[in-house]
Amino acid sequence: MAEPIILASGSVHRRRLLEQAGIAVEAVASSIDERAVEESFGDAEVTAEDLASILAEAKATDVSEGFAGRFVVGADQTLELDGVLLHKPASMEEARRALLALSGRTHRLHSAYALVRSGVVLKRHVETASITLRPLTPAEIGQYLAKAGEAVLGSVGAYQIEGPGILLMDRIEGDFFTIVGLPLLPLVKDLQAEGALDD
C-alpha cells in the first residue's frame, strides 16, 4: 500500500481536492517565507508564472527534507493583473482594494505544483486560468466581503470560486482545479507515472 502523499501546503482547499480524488494525503505546511523568496531575485525579472513554479518547488523541497523517500507535492498560485503581481490581502481593507482593482477586468491565475522525493524534483507543472470579474460597485464589494468574511484573506484575489466568490465572476477560461490552486489532472498523471498511487 502506497504511503500518503505529503502536501506541502496548509491549504484546506488543496487538501480537499486530493482527498475527494481518493488520494491519501498528509498536510505538512512549509516554513519558507514566500516574500523573502520573491525578494531574493532583486531586480531580476521573474514572471508571475515562473514565480508560482519557484515557490511550489521551494515548499516541496523544504518539507521533503524531513520525509526521506516520501512523495511531496508543493503548490503555489500567483495572480497577475496587467503584468502586475498581486498578493494575498493582509486585511479586509486590502481585500476591498484588490476587488476594486479587479472589478470589470480580466486577470490571470498561475497555479503550479512540484513533485519532489528525497529532495529531488521529479516533476513540475504550471497551469493558467483567466478570470474576468463583472463590474462591481463599492456597495457590492462590501456586501460580498461581509458575506465571505475573513476567509478571503487566505486567497490571492480575495475570492474563492468554491464559495460566494463565484457571484463576482463574469467569465472564466481555465479549469476549476487551476483556479482553486492545484492543477489536479496533470498532477494525478505525474503521481501515477512515478508509482506514487495505489493501482
N, C-alpha and C. Protein backbone atom coordinates (compact mmCIF):
# COMPACT_ATOMS: atom_id res chain seq x y z
N MET A 1 0.84 -1.18 0.00
CA MET A 1 0.00 0.00 0.00
C MET A 1 0.89 1.25 0.00
N ALA A 2 0.62 2.17 -0.91
CA ALA A 2 1.42 3.40 -1.02
C ALA A 2 1.20 4.28 0.21
N GLU A 3 2.28 4.92 0.65
CA GLU A 3 2.16 5.86 1.76
C GLU A 3 1.41 7.10 1.29
N PRO A 4 0.74 7.79 2.22
CA PRO A 4 0.04 9.01 1.82
C PRO A 4 1.00 10.02 1.19
N ILE A 5 0.49 10.74 0.20
CA ILE A 5 1.24 11.84 -0.39
C ILE A 5 1.33 12.95 0.64
N ILE A 6 2.47 13.60 0.73
CA ILE A 6 2.60 14.75 1.63
C ILE A 6 2.33 16.01 0.83
N LEU A 7 1.39 16.80 1.28
CA LEU A 7 1.07 18.07 0.65
C LEU A 7 1.76 19.17 1.44
N ALA A 8 2.73 19.84 0.81
CA ALA A 8 3.49 20.89 1.49
C ALA A 8 2.71 22.20 1.43
N SER A 9 1.55 22.19 2.05
CA SER A 9 0.65 23.35 2.00
C SER A 9 -0.32 23.27 3.16
N GLY A 10 -0.69 24.42 3.66
CA GLY A 10 -1.71 24.48 4.70
C GLY A 10 -3.09 24.70 4.14
N SER A 11 -3.23 24.69 2.82
CA SER A 11 -4.50 24.99 2.17
C SER A 11 -5.48 23.84 2.33
N VAL A 12 -6.60 24.12 3.00
CA VAL A 12 -7.63 23.09 3.15
C VAL A 12 -8.26 22.76 1.81
N HIS A 13 -8.28 23.74 0.88
CA HIS A 13 -8.89 23.53 -0.42
C HIS A 13 -8.07 22.56 -1.26
N ARG A 14 -6.74 22.73 -1.25
CA ARG A 14 -5.88 21.80 -2.00
C ARG A 14 -5.98 20.39 -1.41
N ARG A 15 -5.95 20.32 -0.09
CA ARG A 15 -6.05 19.01 0.56
C ARG A 15 -7.38 18.34 0.20
N ARG A 16 -8.44 19.11 0.21
CA ARG A 16 -9.76 18.56 -0.09
C ARG A 16 -9.82 18.03 -1.52
N LEU A 17 -9.19 18.73 -2.48
CA LEU A 17 -9.17 18.26 -3.86
C LEU A 17 -8.55 16.87 -3.95
N LEU A 18 -7.43 16.67 -3.26
CA LEU A 18 -6.75 15.38 -3.29
C LEU A 18 -7.59 14.31 -2.60
N GLU A 19 -8.15 14.64 -1.45
CA GLU A 19 -8.96 13.67 -0.72
C GLU A 19 -10.20 13.27 -1.52
N GLN A 20 -10.82 14.24 -2.17
CA GLN A 20 -12.02 13.93 -2.96
C GLN A 20 -11.69 13.05 -4.17
N ALA A 21 -10.44 13.10 -4.60
CA ALA A 21 -10.00 12.23 -5.70
C ALA A 21 -9.62 10.83 -5.19
N GLY A 22 -9.75 10.62 -3.88
CA GLY A 22 -9.43 9.32 -3.30
C GLY A 22 -7.95 9.11 -3.05
N ILE A 23 -7.19 10.22 -3.01
CA ILE A 23 -5.75 10.14 -2.78
C ILE A 23 -5.46 10.37 -1.30
N ALA A 24 -4.79 9.41 -0.68
CA ALA A 24 -4.41 9.56 0.73
C ALA A 24 -3.37 10.67 0.83
N VAL A 25 -3.62 11.63 1.71
CA VAL A 25 -2.75 12.80 1.80
C VAL A 25 -2.52 13.20 3.25
N GLU A 26 -1.34 13.69 3.49
CA GLU A 26 -0.96 14.22 4.80
C GLU A 26 -0.45 15.63 4.57
N ALA A 27 -1.04 16.61 5.22
CA ALA A 27 -0.65 18.01 5.01
C ALA A 27 0.43 18.42 6.00
N VAL A 28 1.51 18.97 5.49
CA VAL A 28 2.61 19.49 6.31
C VAL A 28 3.01 20.84 5.72
N ALA A 29 2.62 21.91 6.36
CA ALA A 29 2.89 23.24 5.81
C ALA A 29 4.39 23.54 5.80
N SER A 30 4.83 24.16 4.73
CA SER A 30 6.22 24.57 4.61
C SER A 30 6.48 25.79 5.48
N SER A 31 7.73 25.93 5.91
CA SER A 31 8.09 27.08 6.74
C SER A 31 8.78 28.19 5.94
N ILE A 32 8.84 28.05 4.61
CA ILE A 32 9.55 29.08 3.83
C ILE A 32 8.78 30.40 3.85
N ASP A 33 9.52 31.48 3.76
CA ASP A 33 8.95 32.82 3.69
C ASP A 33 8.80 33.17 2.21
N GLU A 34 7.56 33.15 1.72
CA GLU A 34 7.32 33.37 0.29
C GLU A 34 7.82 34.73 -0.18
N ARG A 35 7.58 35.75 0.62
CA ARG A 35 8.01 37.09 0.20
C ARG A 35 9.53 37.19 0.17
N ALA A 36 10.21 36.50 1.10
CA ALA A 36 11.68 36.52 1.10
C ALA A 36 12.21 35.84 -0.16
N VAL A 37 11.58 34.74 -0.57
CA VAL A 37 11.99 34.06 -1.81
C VAL A 37 11.80 35.01 -2.98
N GLU A 38 10.66 35.68 -3.01
CA GLU A 38 10.36 36.61 -4.10
C GLU A 38 11.38 37.76 -4.14
N GLU A 39 11.70 38.30 -2.96
CA GLU A 39 12.63 39.43 -2.89
C GLU A 39 14.06 39.02 -3.20
N SER A 40 14.37 37.72 -3.08
CA SER A 40 15.75 37.27 -3.32
C SER A 40 16.17 37.44 -4.77
N PHE A 41 15.21 37.66 -5.66
CA PHE A 41 15.54 37.86 -7.07
C PHE A 41 15.98 39.29 -7.36
N GLY A 42 15.78 40.17 -6.40
CA GLY A 42 16.21 41.56 -6.57
C GLY A 42 15.60 42.18 -7.81
N ASP A 43 16.46 42.73 -8.68
CA ASP A 43 15.99 43.40 -9.89
C ASP A 43 15.77 42.43 -11.06
N ALA A 44 16.12 41.18 -10.87
CA ALA A 44 15.93 40.20 -11.95
C ALA A 44 14.44 40.05 -12.24
N GLU A 45 14.12 40.04 -13.51
CA GLU A 45 12.71 39.92 -13.88
C GLU A 45 12.28 38.46 -13.84
N VAL A 46 11.30 38.18 -13.02
CA VAL A 46 10.73 36.85 -12.89
C VAL A 46 9.25 36.98 -13.18
N THR A 47 8.75 36.18 -14.11
CA THR A 47 7.33 36.26 -14.46
C THR A 47 6.49 35.68 -13.32
N ALA A 48 5.23 36.07 -13.29
CA ALA A 48 4.30 35.55 -12.29
C ALA A 48 4.18 34.04 -12.41
N GLU A 49 4.22 33.55 -13.64
CA GLU A 49 4.14 32.11 -13.89
C GLU A 49 5.36 31.39 -13.32
N ASP A 50 6.55 31.94 -13.58
CA ASP A 50 7.78 31.34 -13.05
C ASP A 50 7.82 31.40 -11.52
N LEU A 51 7.33 32.50 -10.96
CA LEU A 51 7.34 32.64 -9.51
C LEU A 51 6.48 31.57 -8.85
N ALA A 52 5.32 31.29 -9.43
CA ALA A 52 4.46 30.24 -8.88
C ALA A 52 5.20 28.91 -8.86
N SER A 53 5.92 28.60 -9.93
CA SER A 53 6.67 27.35 -10.03
C SER A 53 7.83 27.32 -9.03
N ILE A 54 8.53 28.43 -8.90
CA ILE A 54 9.66 28.52 -7.97
C ILE A 54 9.20 28.31 -6.53
N LEU A 55 8.09 28.96 -6.17
CA LEU A 55 7.57 28.84 -4.81
C LEU A 55 7.05 27.43 -4.52
N ALA A 56 6.39 26.82 -5.51
CA ALA A 56 5.91 25.45 -5.33
C ALA A 56 7.08 24.50 -5.07
N GLU A 57 8.14 24.67 -5.86
CA GLU A 57 9.32 23.82 -5.70
C GLU A 57 10.01 24.07 -4.35
N ALA A 58 10.11 25.33 -3.95
CA ALA A 58 10.75 25.66 -2.67
C ALA A 58 9.99 25.03 -1.50
N LYS A 59 8.67 25.07 -1.55
CA LYS A 59 7.86 24.49 -0.48
C LYS A 59 8.04 22.97 -0.43
N ALA A 60 7.97 22.33 -1.60
CA ALA A 60 8.10 20.87 -1.64
C ALA A 60 9.48 20.43 -1.17
N THR A 61 10.51 21.12 -1.62
CA THR A 61 11.88 20.77 -1.23
C THR A 61 12.09 20.96 0.27
N ASP A 62 11.56 22.05 0.80
CA ASP A 62 11.66 22.34 2.23
C ASP A 62 11.05 21.22 3.06
N VAL A 63 9.84 20.82 2.74
CA VAL A 63 9.14 19.78 3.51
C VAL A 63 9.78 18.41 3.28
N SER A 64 10.27 18.17 2.06
CA SER A 64 10.88 16.88 1.72
C SER A 64 12.07 16.55 2.61
N GLU A 65 12.76 17.57 3.12
CA GLU A 65 13.94 17.34 3.97
C GLU A 65 13.60 16.49 5.18
N GLY A 66 12.38 16.58 5.67
CA GLY A 66 12.00 15.82 6.86
C GLY A 66 11.32 14.50 6.57
N PHE A 67 11.18 14.15 5.28
CA PHE A 67 10.43 12.94 4.92
C PHE A 67 11.14 12.18 3.79
N ALA A 68 12.30 11.64 4.10
CA ALA A 68 13.08 10.91 3.09
C ALA A 68 12.27 9.78 2.50
N GLY A 69 12.31 9.67 1.17
CA GLY A 69 11.63 8.60 0.48
C GLY A 69 10.16 8.82 0.19
N ARG A 70 9.58 9.86 0.78
CA ARG A 70 8.15 10.13 0.59
C ARG A 70 7.94 11.09 -0.58
N PHE A 71 6.81 10.94 -1.24
CA PHE A 71 6.43 11.86 -2.30
C PHE A 71 5.81 13.11 -1.69
N VAL A 72 6.36 14.26 -2.06
CA VAL A 72 5.89 15.54 -1.53
C VAL A 72 5.44 16.43 -2.68
N VAL A 73 4.27 17.01 -2.53
CA VAL A 73 3.73 17.93 -3.52
C VAL A 73 3.71 19.33 -2.93
N GLY A 74 4.43 20.25 -3.56
CA GLY A 74 4.38 21.66 -3.19
C GLY A 74 3.53 22.38 -4.21
N ALA A 75 2.78 23.37 -3.78
CA ALA A 75 1.90 24.09 -4.70
C ALA A 75 1.91 25.58 -4.36
N ASP A 76 1.73 26.38 -5.39
CA ASP A 76 1.60 27.82 -5.18
C ASP A 76 0.79 28.41 -6.32
N GLN A 77 0.27 29.59 -6.06
CA GLN A 77 -0.55 30.28 -7.05
C GLN A 77 -0.21 31.76 -7.03
N THR A 78 -0.07 32.35 -8.20
CA THR A 78 0.14 33.79 -8.30
C THR A 78 -0.96 34.39 -9.16
N LEU A 79 -1.25 35.66 -8.89
CA LEU A 79 -2.27 36.39 -9.64
C LEU A 79 -1.61 37.58 -10.32
N GLU A 80 -1.90 37.71 -11.59
CA GLU A 80 -1.29 38.76 -12.42
C GLU A 80 -2.40 39.60 -13.05
N LEU A 81 -2.32 40.88 -12.84
CA LEU A 81 -3.28 41.82 -13.44
C LEU A 81 -2.48 42.83 -14.27
N ASP A 82 -2.62 42.74 -15.58
CA ASP A 82 -1.89 43.64 -16.49
C ASP A 82 -0.39 43.65 -16.20
N GLY A 83 0.16 42.46 -15.94
CA GLY A 83 1.59 42.33 -15.71
C GLY A 83 2.04 42.65 -14.30
N VAL A 84 1.11 43.03 -13.44
CA VAL A 84 1.44 43.36 -12.04
C VAL A 84 1.02 42.20 -11.14
N LEU A 85 1.92 41.79 -10.25
CA LEU A 85 1.67 40.69 -9.34
C LEU A 85 0.89 41.19 -8.12
N LEU A 86 -0.21 40.51 -7.81
CA LEU A 86 -0.98 40.83 -6.60
C LEU A 86 -0.77 39.71 -5.59
N HIS A 87 -0.74 40.08 -4.31
CA HIS A 87 -0.55 39.10 -3.24
C HIS A 87 -1.83 38.92 -2.44
N LYS A 88 -1.81 37.94 -1.54
CA LYS A 88 -2.96 37.74 -0.66
C LYS A 88 -3.15 39.00 0.18
N PRO A 89 -4.39 39.44 0.35
CA PRO A 89 -4.63 40.63 1.17
C PRO A 89 -4.32 40.35 2.63
N ALA A 90 -3.75 41.34 3.29
CA ALA A 90 -3.41 41.18 4.71
C ALA A 90 -4.53 41.67 5.61
N SER A 91 -5.51 42.35 5.04
CA SER A 91 -6.63 42.89 5.83
C SER A 91 -7.86 42.97 4.94
N MET A 92 -9.00 43.19 5.57
CA MET A 92 -10.23 43.33 4.79
C MET A 92 -10.19 44.58 3.92
N GLU A 93 -9.49 45.60 4.37
CA GLU A 93 -9.36 46.82 3.56
C GLU A 93 -8.53 46.53 2.31
N GLU A 94 -7.46 45.74 2.46
CA GLU A 94 -6.66 45.35 1.29
C GLU A 94 -7.50 44.48 0.35
N ALA A 95 -8.34 43.63 0.91
CA ALA A 95 -9.22 42.79 0.09
C ALA A 95 -10.18 43.67 -0.71
N ARG A 96 -10.71 44.69 -0.07
CA ARG A 96 -11.63 45.61 -0.75
C ARG A 96 -10.93 46.31 -1.90
N ARG A 97 -9.70 46.77 -1.66
CA ARG A 97 -8.94 47.46 -2.72
C ARG A 97 -8.60 46.51 -3.87
N ALA A 98 -8.27 45.26 -3.53
CA ALA A 98 -7.96 44.28 -4.58
C ALA A 98 -9.17 44.03 -5.47
N LEU A 99 -10.32 43.90 -4.87
CA LEU A 99 -11.53 43.64 -5.65
C LEU A 99 -11.92 44.86 -6.49
N LEU A 100 -11.68 46.04 -5.96
CA LEU A 100 -11.93 47.25 -6.76
C LEU A 100 -11.01 47.26 -8.00
N ALA A 101 -9.75 46.84 -7.81
CA ALA A 101 -8.80 46.80 -8.93
C ALA A 101 -9.19 45.74 -9.96
N LEU A 102 -9.74 44.61 -9.49
CA LEU A 102 -10.09 43.51 -10.38
C LEU A 102 -11.45 43.69 -11.04
N SER A 103 -12.26 44.57 -10.48
CA SER A 103 -13.64 44.77 -10.96
C SER A 103 -13.69 45.09 -12.46
N GLY A 104 -14.47 44.30 -13.20
CA GLY A 104 -14.68 44.54 -14.62
C GLY A 104 -13.48 44.24 -15.50
N ARG A 105 -12.43 43.61 -14.93
CA ARG A 105 -11.20 43.37 -15.68
C ARG A 105 -10.84 41.89 -15.66
N THR A 106 -9.95 41.53 -16.57
CA THR A 106 -9.50 40.15 -16.67
C THR A 106 -8.13 40.00 -16.03
N HIS A 107 -7.99 39.01 -15.17
CA HIS A 107 -6.69 38.72 -14.57
C HIS A 107 -6.35 37.26 -14.82
N ARG A 108 -5.09 36.92 -14.57
CA ARG A 108 -4.61 35.56 -14.82
C ARG A 108 -4.11 34.93 -13.52
N LEU A 109 -4.56 33.70 -13.28
CA LEU A 109 -4.10 32.92 -12.14
C LEU A 109 -3.15 31.85 -12.65
N HIS A 110 -1.95 31.81 -12.08
CA HIS A 110 -0.98 30.78 -12.43
C HIS A 110 -0.86 29.82 -11.25
N SER A 111 -1.26 28.57 -11.44
CA SER A 111 -1.19 27.57 -10.38
C SER A 111 -0.13 26.54 -10.74
N ALA A 112 0.79 26.35 -9.82
CA ALA A 112 1.92 25.46 -10.07
C ALA A 112 2.02 24.38 -9.00
N TYR A 113 2.61 23.25 -9.38
CA TYR A 113 2.99 22.26 -8.39
C TYR A 113 4.36 21.72 -8.74
N ALA A 114 5.03 21.19 -7.74
CA ALA A 114 6.29 20.48 -7.91
C ALA A 114 6.17 19.17 -7.13
N LEU A 115 6.56 18.09 -7.75
CA LEU A 115 6.57 16.78 -7.10
C LEU A 115 8.01 16.43 -6.78
N VAL A 116 8.28 16.23 -5.50
CA VAL A 116 9.64 16.04 -5.00
C VAL A 116 9.71 14.75 -4.18
N ARG A 117 10.84 14.07 -4.28
CA ARG A 117 11.09 12.89 -3.42
C ARG A 117 12.54 12.92 -2.98
N SER A 118 12.74 12.86 -1.67
CA SER A 118 14.09 12.91 -1.09
C SER A 118 14.89 14.09 -1.62
N GLY A 119 14.23 15.25 -1.73
CA GLY A 119 14.90 16.47 -2.16
C GLY A 119 15.11 16.60 -3.65
N VAL A 120 14.72 15.59 -4.43
CA VAL A 120 14.90 15.62 -5.89
C VAL A 120 13.58 15.98 -6.55
N VAL A 121 13.61 16.99 -7.42
CA VAL A 121 12.41 17.40 -8.13
C VAL A 121 12.15 16.42 -9.27
N LEU A 122 11.01 15.74 -9.21
CA LEU A 122 10.65 14.75 -10.22
C LEU A 122 9.82 15.38 -11.35
N LYS A 123 8.90 16.24 -10.99
CA LYS A 123 8.01 16.86 -11.97
C LYS A 123 7.68 18.29 -11.53
N ARG A 124 7.43 19.13 -12.53
CA ARG A 124 6.95 20.50 -12.29
C ARG A 124 5.87 20.77 -13.32
N HIS A 125 4.90 21.58 -12.95
CA HIS A 125 3.86 21.92 -13.92
C HIS A 125 3.18 23.23 -13.50
N VAL A 126 2.82 24.02 -14.49
CA VAL A 126 2.07 25.27 -14.25
C VAL A 126 0.88 25.31 -15.20
N GLU A 127 -0.28 25.66 -14.68
CA GLU A 127 -1.48 25.88 -15.50
C GLU A 127 -1.95 27.31 -15.25
N THR A 128 -2.55 27.91 -16.27
CA THR A 128 -3.03 29.29 -16.15
C THR A 128 -4.51 29.35 -16.48
N ALA A 129 -5.23 30.12 -15.68
CA ALA A 129 -6.64 30.39 -15.94
C ALA A 129 -6.84 31.90 -16.01
N SER A 130 -7.73 32.33 -16.88
CA SER A 130 -8.07 33.74 -16.99
C SER A 130 -9.47 33.96 -16.44
N ILE A 131 -9.61 34.93 -15.58
CA ILE A 131 -10.89 35.21 -14.94
C ILE A 131 -11.24 36.67 -15.12
N THR A 132 -12.47 36.92 -15.52
CA THR A 132 -12.97 38.28 -15.63
C THR A 132 -14.05 38.48 -14.57
N LEU A 133 -13.85 39.45 -13.71
CA LEU A 133 -14.88 39.80 -12.74
C LEU A 133 -15.87 40.75 -13.40
N ARG A 134 -17.12 40.64 -13.02
CA ARG A 134 -18.10 41.59 -13.53
C ARG A 134 -17.83 42.95 -12.89
N PRO A 135 -18.31 44.02 -13.49
CA PRO A 135 -18.13 45.34 -12.86
C PRO A 135 -18.85 45.36 -11.51
N LEU A 136 -18.12 45.74 -10.47
CA LEU A 136 -18.65 45.71 -9.11
C LEU A 136 -18.69 47.11 -8.53
N THR A 137 -19.79 47.44 -7.87
CA THR A 137 -19.86 48.72 -7.18
C THR A 137 -19.21 48.57 -5.80
N PRO A 138 -18.77 49.65 -5.18
CA PRO A 138 -18.23 49.55 -3.83
C PRO A 138 -19.22 48.89 -2.86
N ALA A 139 -20.51 49.15 -3.04
CA ALA A 139 -21.52 48.55 -2.16
C ALA A 139 -21.56 47.04 -2.35
N GLU A 140 -21.48 46.58 -3.59
CA GLU A 140 -21.49 45.13 -3.86
C GLU A 140 -20.26 44.46 -3.26
N ILE A 141 -19.12 45.12 -3.37
CA ILE A 141 -17.90 44.57 -2.79
C ILE A 141 -18.04 44.47 -1.28
N GLY A 142 -18.60 45.51 -0.67
CA GLY A 142 -18.82 45.50 0.79
C GLY A 142 -19.74 44.37 1.21
N GLN A 143 -20.81 44.16 0.44
CA GLN A 143 -21.75 43.08 0.76
C GLN A 143 -21.08 41.71 0.62
N TYR A 144 -20.30 41.57 -0.44
CA TYR A 144 -19.61 40.30 -0.65
C TYR A 144 -18.63 40.02 0.49
N LEU A 145 -17.84 41.01 0.88
CA LEU A 145 -16.86 40.80 1.95
C LEU A 145 -17.54 40.49 3.27
N ALA A 146 -18.69 41.11 3.51
CA ALA A 146 -19.44 40.82 4.75
C ALA A 146 -19.92 39.37 4.75
N LYS A 147 -20.33 38.89 3.59
CA LYS A 147 -20.83 37.51 3.46
C LYS A 147 -19.68 36.51 3.53
N ALA A 148 -18.59 36.78 2.82
CA ALA A 148 -17.48 35.82 2.73
C ALA A 148 -16.62 35.82 3.99
N GLY A 149 -16.52 36.98 4.65
CA GLY A 149 -15.73 37.06 5.88
C GLY A 149 -14.23 36.96 5.64
N GLU A 150 -13.52 36.68 6.72
CA GLU A 150 -12.06 36.70 6.66
C GLU A 150 -11.45 35.55 5.88
N ALA A 151 -12.28 34.63 5.39
CA ALA A 151 -11.78 33.56 4.52
C ALA A 151 -11.12 34.15 3.28
N VAL A 152 -11.54 35.36 2.87
CA VAL A 152 -10.96 35.97 1.67
C VAL A 152 -9.47 36.28 1.85
N LEU A 153 -9.03 36.40 3.10
CA LEU A 153 -7.62 36.73 3.34
C LEU A 153 -6.70 35.56 3.01
N GLY A 154 -7.26 34.38 2.85
CA GLY A 154 -6.45 33.21 2.52
C GLY A 154 -6.34 32.97 1.03
N SER A 155 -6.85 33.92 0.24
CA SER A 155 -6.90 33.71 -1.20
C SER A 155 -6.36 34.92 -1.94
N VAL A 156 -5.42 34.67 -2.84
CA VAL A 156 -4.94 35.74 -3.70
C VAL A 156 -6.13 36.17 -4.55
N GLY A 157 -6.40 37.45 -4.63
CA GLY A 157 -7.57 37.93 -5.36
C GLY A 157 -8.76 38.18 -4.46
N ALA A 158 -8.69 37.72 -3.22
CA ALA A 158 -9.75 37.96 -2.22
C ALA A 158 -11.08 37.31 -2.58
N TYR A 159 -11.02 36.20 -3.30
CA TYR A 159 -12.25 35.46 -3.58
C TYR A 159 -11.92 33.98 -3.64
N GLN A 160 -12.95 33.17 -3.45
CA GLN A 160 -12.80 31.73 -3.61
C GLN A 160 -13.94 31.25 -4.48
N ILE A 161 -13.58 30.67 -5.61
CA ILE A 161 -14.58 30.24 -6.58
C ILE A 161 -15.51 29.18 -6.01
N GLU A 162 -15.02 28.42 -5.02
CA GLU A 162 -15.82 27.36 -4.43
C GLU A 162 -16.76 27.89 -3.35
N GLY A 163 -16.80 29.20 -3.19
CA GLY A 163 -17.70 29.83 -2.23
C GLY A 163 -18.45 30.98 -2.89
N PRO A 164 -18.82 32.01 -2.11
CA PRO A 164 -19.58 33.13 -2.68
C PRO A 164 -18.80 33.94 -3.71
N GLY A 165 -17.50 33.69 -3.85
CA GLY A 165 -16.71 34.39 -4.87
C GLY A 165 -17.22 34.14 -6.28
N ILE A 166 -17.91 33.01 -6.49
CA ILE A 166 -18.45 32.72 -7.82
C ILE A 166 -19.44 33.80 -8.26
N LEU A 167 -20.06 34.48 -7.31
CA LEU A 167 -21.04 35.52 -7.63
C LEU A 167 -20.38 36.75 -8.24
N LEU A 168 -19.06 36.86 -8.11
CA LEU A 168 -18.34 38.02 -8.65
C LEU A 168 -17.93 37.81 -10.11
N MET A 169 -18.02 36.57 -10.59
CA MET A 169 -17.45 36.22 -11.88
C MET A 169 -18.35 36.60 -13.05
N ASP A 170 -17.69 37.02 -14.14
CA ASP A 170 -18.38 37.24 -15.40
C ASP A 170 -18.00 36.16 -16.40
N ARG A 171 -16.68 35.82 -16.44
CA ARG A 171 -16.21 34.82 -17.41
C ARG A 171 -14.98 34.11 -16.85
N ILE A 172 -14.89 32.82 -17.14
CA ILE A 172 -13.76 32.00 -16.69
C ILE A 172 -13.22 31.21 -17.87
N GLU A 173 -11.91 31.27 -18.07
CA GLU A 173 -11.24 30.44 -19.07
C GLU A 173 -10.16 29.65 -18.34
N GLY A 174 -10.39 28.36 -18.23
CA GLY A 174 -9.48 27.52 -17.47
C GLY A 174 -10.29 26.58 -16.60
N ASP A 175 -9.61 25.61 -15.97
CA ASP A 175 -10.38 24.64 -15.20
C ASP A 175 -10.48 25.02 -13.72
N PHE A 176 -11.46 24.41 -13.09
CA PHE A 176 -11.78 24.67 -11.69
C PHE A 176 -10.58 24.41 -10.79
N PHE A 177 -9.87 23.30 -11.04
CA PHE A 177 -8.75 22.92 -10.18
C PHE A 177 -7.63 23.95 -10.21
N THR A 178 -7.37 24.50 -11.38
CA THR A 178 -6.34 25.54 -11.51
C THR A 178 -6.73 26.77 -10.70
N ILE A 179 -8.00 27.12 -10.75
CA ILE A 179 -8.46 28.30 -10.03
C ILE A 179 -8.39 28.08 -8.52
N VAL A 180 -8.71 26.88 -8.07
CA VAL A 180 -8.62 26.58 -6.64
C VAL A 180 -7.15 26.56 -6.18
N GLY A 181 -6.23 26.22 -7.10
CA GLY A 181 -4.82 26.32 -6.75
C GLY A 181 -4.01 25.05 -6.87
N LEU A 182 -4.58 24.02 -7.55
CA LEU A 182 -3.83 22.78 -7.73
C LEU A 182 -4.27 22.12 -9.03
N PRO A 183 -3.45 22.17 -10.08
CA PRO A 183 -3.83 21.56 -11.36
C PRO A 183 -3.90 20.04 -11.22
N LEU A 184 -5.07 19.55 -10.90
CA LEU A 184 -5.22 18.16 -10.46
C LEU A 184 -5.01 17.12 -11.56
N LEU A 185 -5.49 17.38 -12.77
CA LEU A 185 -5.37 16.37 -13.82
C LEU A 185 -3.91 16.05 -14.15
N PRO A 186 -3.06 17.04 -14.44
CA PRO A 186 -1.66 16.70 -14.70
C PRO A 186 -0.95 16.14 -13.46
N LEU A 187 -1.35 16.59 -12.27
CA LEU A 187 -0.72 16.07 -11.05
C LEU A 187 -1.02 14.58 -10.89
N VAL A 188 -2.27 14.19 -11.10
CA VAL A 188 -2.63 12.78 -10.97
C VAL A 188 -1.82 11.94 -11.96
N LYS A 189 -1.68 12.43 -13.19
CA LYS A 189 -0.89 11.70 -14.19
C LYS A 189 0.56 11.55 -13.75
N ASP A 190 1.12 12.63 -13.19
CA ASP A 190 2.51 12.56 -12.73
C ASP A 190 2.66 11.61 -11.54
N LEU A 191 1.70 11.63 -10.61
CA LEU A 191 1.75 10.72 -9.46
C LEU A 191 1.66 9.27 -9.92
N GLN A 192 0.79 9.02 -10.90
CA GLN A 192 0.67 7.65 -11.43
C GLN A 192 1.96 7.24 -12.14
N ALA A 193 2.53 8.13 -12.92
CA ALA A 193 3.76 7.81 -13.65
C ALA A 193 4.91 7.49 -12.71
N GLU A 194 4.93 8.12 -11.55
CA GLU A 194 6.02 7.91 -10.58
C GLU A 194 5.72 6.75 -9.63
N GLY A 195 4.57 6.11 -9.78
CA GLY A 195 4.22 4.99 -8.91
C GLY A 195 3.85 5.42 -7.50
N ALA A 196 3.35 6.65 -7.37
CA ALA A 196 3.04 7.19 -6.04
C ALA A 196 1.64 6.82 -5.56
N LEU A 197 0.82 6.27 -6.46
CA LEU A 197 -0.57 5.95 -6.11
C LEU A 197 -0.79 4.44 -6.17
N ASP A 198 -1.72 3.97 -5.34
CA ASP A 198 -2.11 2.57 -5.43
C ASP A 198 -2.88 2.34 -6.72
N ASP A 199 -2.69 1.19 -7.33
CA ASP A 199 -3.43 0.85 -8.55
C ASP A 199 -4.85 0.47 -8.21
